[in-house]
């Protein structure tokens, strides 16, 4: 037997939260990057752009 009455609204909401968390985790794995990763990629791109600009010939 169960310990007591079960609040069906609470169970439904817990199930919905679990499904939403699973979907969020899936999206984070598929699309997400940490802030540090984004900043590192931006710094690398800036450095590469700067190096390319330094080797550019002046148009006369």
N, C-alpha and C. Protein backbone atom coordinates (compact mmCIF):
# COMPACT_ATOMS: atom_id res chain seq x y z
N UNK A 1 0.83 -1.17 0.00
CA UNK A 1 0.00 0.00 0.00
C UNK A 1 0.88 1.25 0.00
N UNK A 2 0.30 2.31 -0.45
CA UNK A 2 1.06 3.55 -0.48
C UNK A 2 1.04 4.23 0.88
N UNK A 3 1.94 5.13 1.09
CA UNK A 3 2.07 5.80 2.38
C UNK A 3 0.94 6.78 2.63
N UNK A 4 0.36 7.31 1.58
CA UNK A 4 -0.71 8.28 1.76
C UNK A 4 -1.26 8.70 0.43
N UNK A 5 -2.10 9.71 0.42
CA UNK A 5 -2.66 10.17 -0.85
C UNK A 5 -1.60 10.80 -1.74
N UNK A 6 -1.81 10.69 -3.03
CA UNK A 6 -0.87 11.22 -4.01
C UNK A 6 -1.50 12.43 -4.68
N UNK A 7 -0.77 13.52 -4.69
CA UNK A 7 -1.25 14.73 -5.36
C UNK A 7 -0.92 14.59 -6.84
N UNK A 8 -1.94 14.35 -7.65
CA UNK A 8 -1.72 14.10 -9.08
C UNK A 8 -1.19 15.33 -9.80
N UNK A 9 -1.57 16.53 -9.36
CA UNK A 9 -1.03 17.75 -9.99
C UNK A 9 0.48 17.84 -9.77
N UNK A 10 0.92 17.50 -8.58
CA UNK A 10 2.36 17.55 -8.28
C UNK A 10 3.12 16.54 -9.14
N UNK A 11 2.57 15.34 -9.26
CA UNK A 11 3.21 14.30 -10.07
C UNK A 11 3.28 14.74 -11.53
N UNK A 12 2.19 15.31 -12.03
CA UNK A 12 2.16 15.77 -13.43
C UNK A 12 3.21 16.86 -13.66
N UNK A 13 3.31 17.81 -12.73
CA UNK A 13 4.27 18.90 -12.88
C UNK A 13 5.71 18.39 -12.78
N UNK A 14 5.96 17.44 -11.89
CA UNK A 14 7.30 16.86 -11.78
C UNK A 14 7.69 16.15 -13.07
N UNK A 15 6.74 15.43 -13.65
CA UNK A 15 7.01 14.73 -14.90
C UNK A 15 7.30 15.73 -16.02
N UNK A 16 6.55 16.83 -16.06
CA UNK A 16 6.76 17.86 -17.08
C UNK A 16 8.12 18.53 -16.90
N UNK A 17 8.50 18.79 -15.64
CA UNK A 17 9.81 19.40 -15.38
C UNK A 17 10.94 18.47 -15.81
N UNK A 18 10.79 17.19 -15.54
CA UNK A 18 11.82 16.21 -15.93
C UNK A 18 11.96 16.16 -17.45
N UNK A 19 10.84 16.19 -18.16
CA UNK A 19 10.90 16.17 -19.63
C UNK A 19 11.55 17.44 -20.16
N UNK A 20 11.23 18.59 -19.56
CA UNK A 20 11.81 19.86 -19.99
C UNK A 20 13.32 19.87 -19.71
N UNK A 21 13.73 19.35 -18.57
CA UNK A 21 15.16 19.29 -18.23
C UNK A 21 15.90 18.38 -19.21
N UNK A 22 15.30 17.26 -19.57
CA UNK A 22 15.93 16.35 -20.53
C UNK A 22 16.09 17.03 -21.89
N UNK A 23 15.05 17.76 -22.31
CA UNK A 23 15.13 18.47 -23.59
C UNK A 23 16.17 19.57 -23.54
N UNK A 24 16.28 20.27 -22.42
CA UNK A 24 17.27 21.33 -22.27
C UNK A 24 18.69 20.76 -22.29
N UNK A 25 18.89 19.64 -21.63
CA UNK A 25 20.20 19.00 -21.63
C UNK A 25 20.59 18.55 -23.04
N UNK A 26 19.62 18.02 -23.77
CA UNK A 26 19.88 17.59 -25.15
C UNK A 26 20.28 18.78 -26.02
N UNK A 27 19.55 19.90 -25.88
CA UNK A 27 19.87 21.10 -26.66
C UNK A 27 21.22 21.67 -26.26
N UNK A 28 21.54 21.63 -24.98
CA UNK A 28 22.82 22.15 -24.52
C UNK A 28 23.97 21.32 -25.10
N UNK A 29 23.77 20.03 -25.17
CA UNK A 29 24.81 19.17 -25.74
C UNK A 29 24.94 19.41 -27.25
N UNK A 30 23.83 19.70 -27.90
CA UNK A 30 23.85 19.87 -29.34
C UNK A 30 24.35 21.25 -29.76
N UNK A 31 23.89 22.30 -29.07
CA UNK A 31 24.16 23.66 -29.51
C UNK A 31 25.01 24.47 -28.55
N UNK A 32 25.03 24.10 -27.30
CA UNK A 32 25.59 24.95 -26.27
C UNK A 32 27.10 24.98 -26.24
N UNK A 33 27.61 26.14 -25.93
CA UNK A 33 29.03 26.32 -25.66
C UNK A 33 29.11 27.19 -24.42
N UNK A 34 30.15 26.99 -23.66
CA UNK A 34 30.30 27.82 -22.47
C UNK A 34 30.75 29.22 -22.88
N UNK A 35 30.61 30.15 -21.96
CA UNK A 35 31.02 31.52 -22.21
C UNK A 35 32.52 31.57 -22.49
N UNK A 36 33.30 30.77 -21.78
CA UNK A 36 34.75 30.73 -21.98
C UNK A 36 35.08 30.23 -23.39
N UNK A 37 34.34 29.24 -23.87
CA UNK A 37 34.59 28.73 -25.22
C UNK A 37 34.27 29.79 -26.27
N UNK A 38 33.16 30.51 -26.07
CA UNK A 38 32.80 31.57 -27.02
C UNK A 38 33.85 32.66 -27.03
N UNK A 39 34.32 33.06 -25.84
CA UNK A 39 35.32 34.11 -25.76
C UNK A 39 36.64 33.67 -26.40
N UNK A 40 37.01 32.40 -26.19
CA UNK A 40 38.26 31.87 -26.77
C UNK A 40 38.17 31.86 -28.29
N UNK A 41 37.05 31.44 -28.84
CA UNK A 41 36.89 31.42 -30.29
C UNK A 41 36.91 32.84 -30.86
N UNK A 42 36.31 33.79 -30.16
CA UNK A 42 36.32 35.18 -30.60
C UNK A 42 37.74 35.73 -30.57
N UNK A 43 38.50 35.41 -29.52
CA UNK A 43 39.88 35.88 -29.42
C UNK A 43 40.74 35.28 -30.53
N UNK A 44 40.54 34.01 -30.83
CA UNK A 44 41.29 33.37 -31.91
C UNK A 44 40.96 34.01 -33.26
N UNK A 45 39.69 34.31 -33.48
CA UNK A 45 39.27 34.94 -34.74
C UNK A 45 39.87 36.34 -34.85
N UNK A 46 39.85 37.09 -33.76
CA UNK A 46 40.43 38.44 -33.76
C UNK A 46 41.93 38.39 -34.04
N UNK A 47 42.60 37.44 -33.44
CA UNK A 47 44.04 37.30 -33.64
C UNK A 47 44.35 36.94 -35.10
N UNK A 48 43.58 36.04 -35.67
CA UNK A 48 43.79 35.65 -37.06
C UNK A 48 43.51 36.83 -38.00
N UNK A 49 42.46 37.58 -37.72
CA UNK A 49 42.13 38.75 -38.54
C UNK A 49 43.22 39.80 -38.45
N UNK A 50 43.75 40.00 -37.25
CA UNK A 50 44.81 40.97 -37.05
C UNK A 50 46.08 40.56 -37.80
N UNK A 51 46.43 39.29 -37.73
CA UNK A 51 47.62 38.80 -38.42
C UNK A 51 47.45 38.96 -39.93
N UNK A 52 46.26 38.71 -40.44
CA UNK A 52 46.00 38.86 -41.86
C UNK A 52 46.11 40.32 -42.28
N UNK A 53 45.55 41.21 -41.47
CA UNK A 53 45.63 42.64 -41.77
C UNK A 53 47.06 43.15 -41.74
N UNK A 54 47.90 42.60 -40.89
CA UNK A 54 49.29 43.04 -40.80
C UNK A 54 50.08 42.66 -42.05
N UNK A 55 49.66 41.64 -42.75
CA UNK A 55 50.37 41.19 -43.96
C UNK A 55 49.76 41.76 -45.23
N UNK A 56 48.79 42.60 -45.08
CA UNK A 56 48.11 43.19 -46.24
C UNK A 56 49.00 44.26 -46.87
N UNK A 57 49.03 44.26 -48.16
CA UNK A 57 49.76 45.30 -48.90
C UNK A 57 48.91 46.55 -49.00
N UNK A 58 49.57 47.68 -48.96
CA UNK A 58 48.83 48.94 -49.13
C UNK A 58 48.51 49.13 -50.59
N UNK A 59 47.31 49.61 -50.85
CA UNK A 59 46.87 49.88 -52.22
C UNK A 59 47.29 51.31 -52.58
N UNK A 60 48.11 51.45 -53.60
CA UNK A 60 48.56 52.79 -54.00
C UNK A 60 48.09 53.13 -55.38
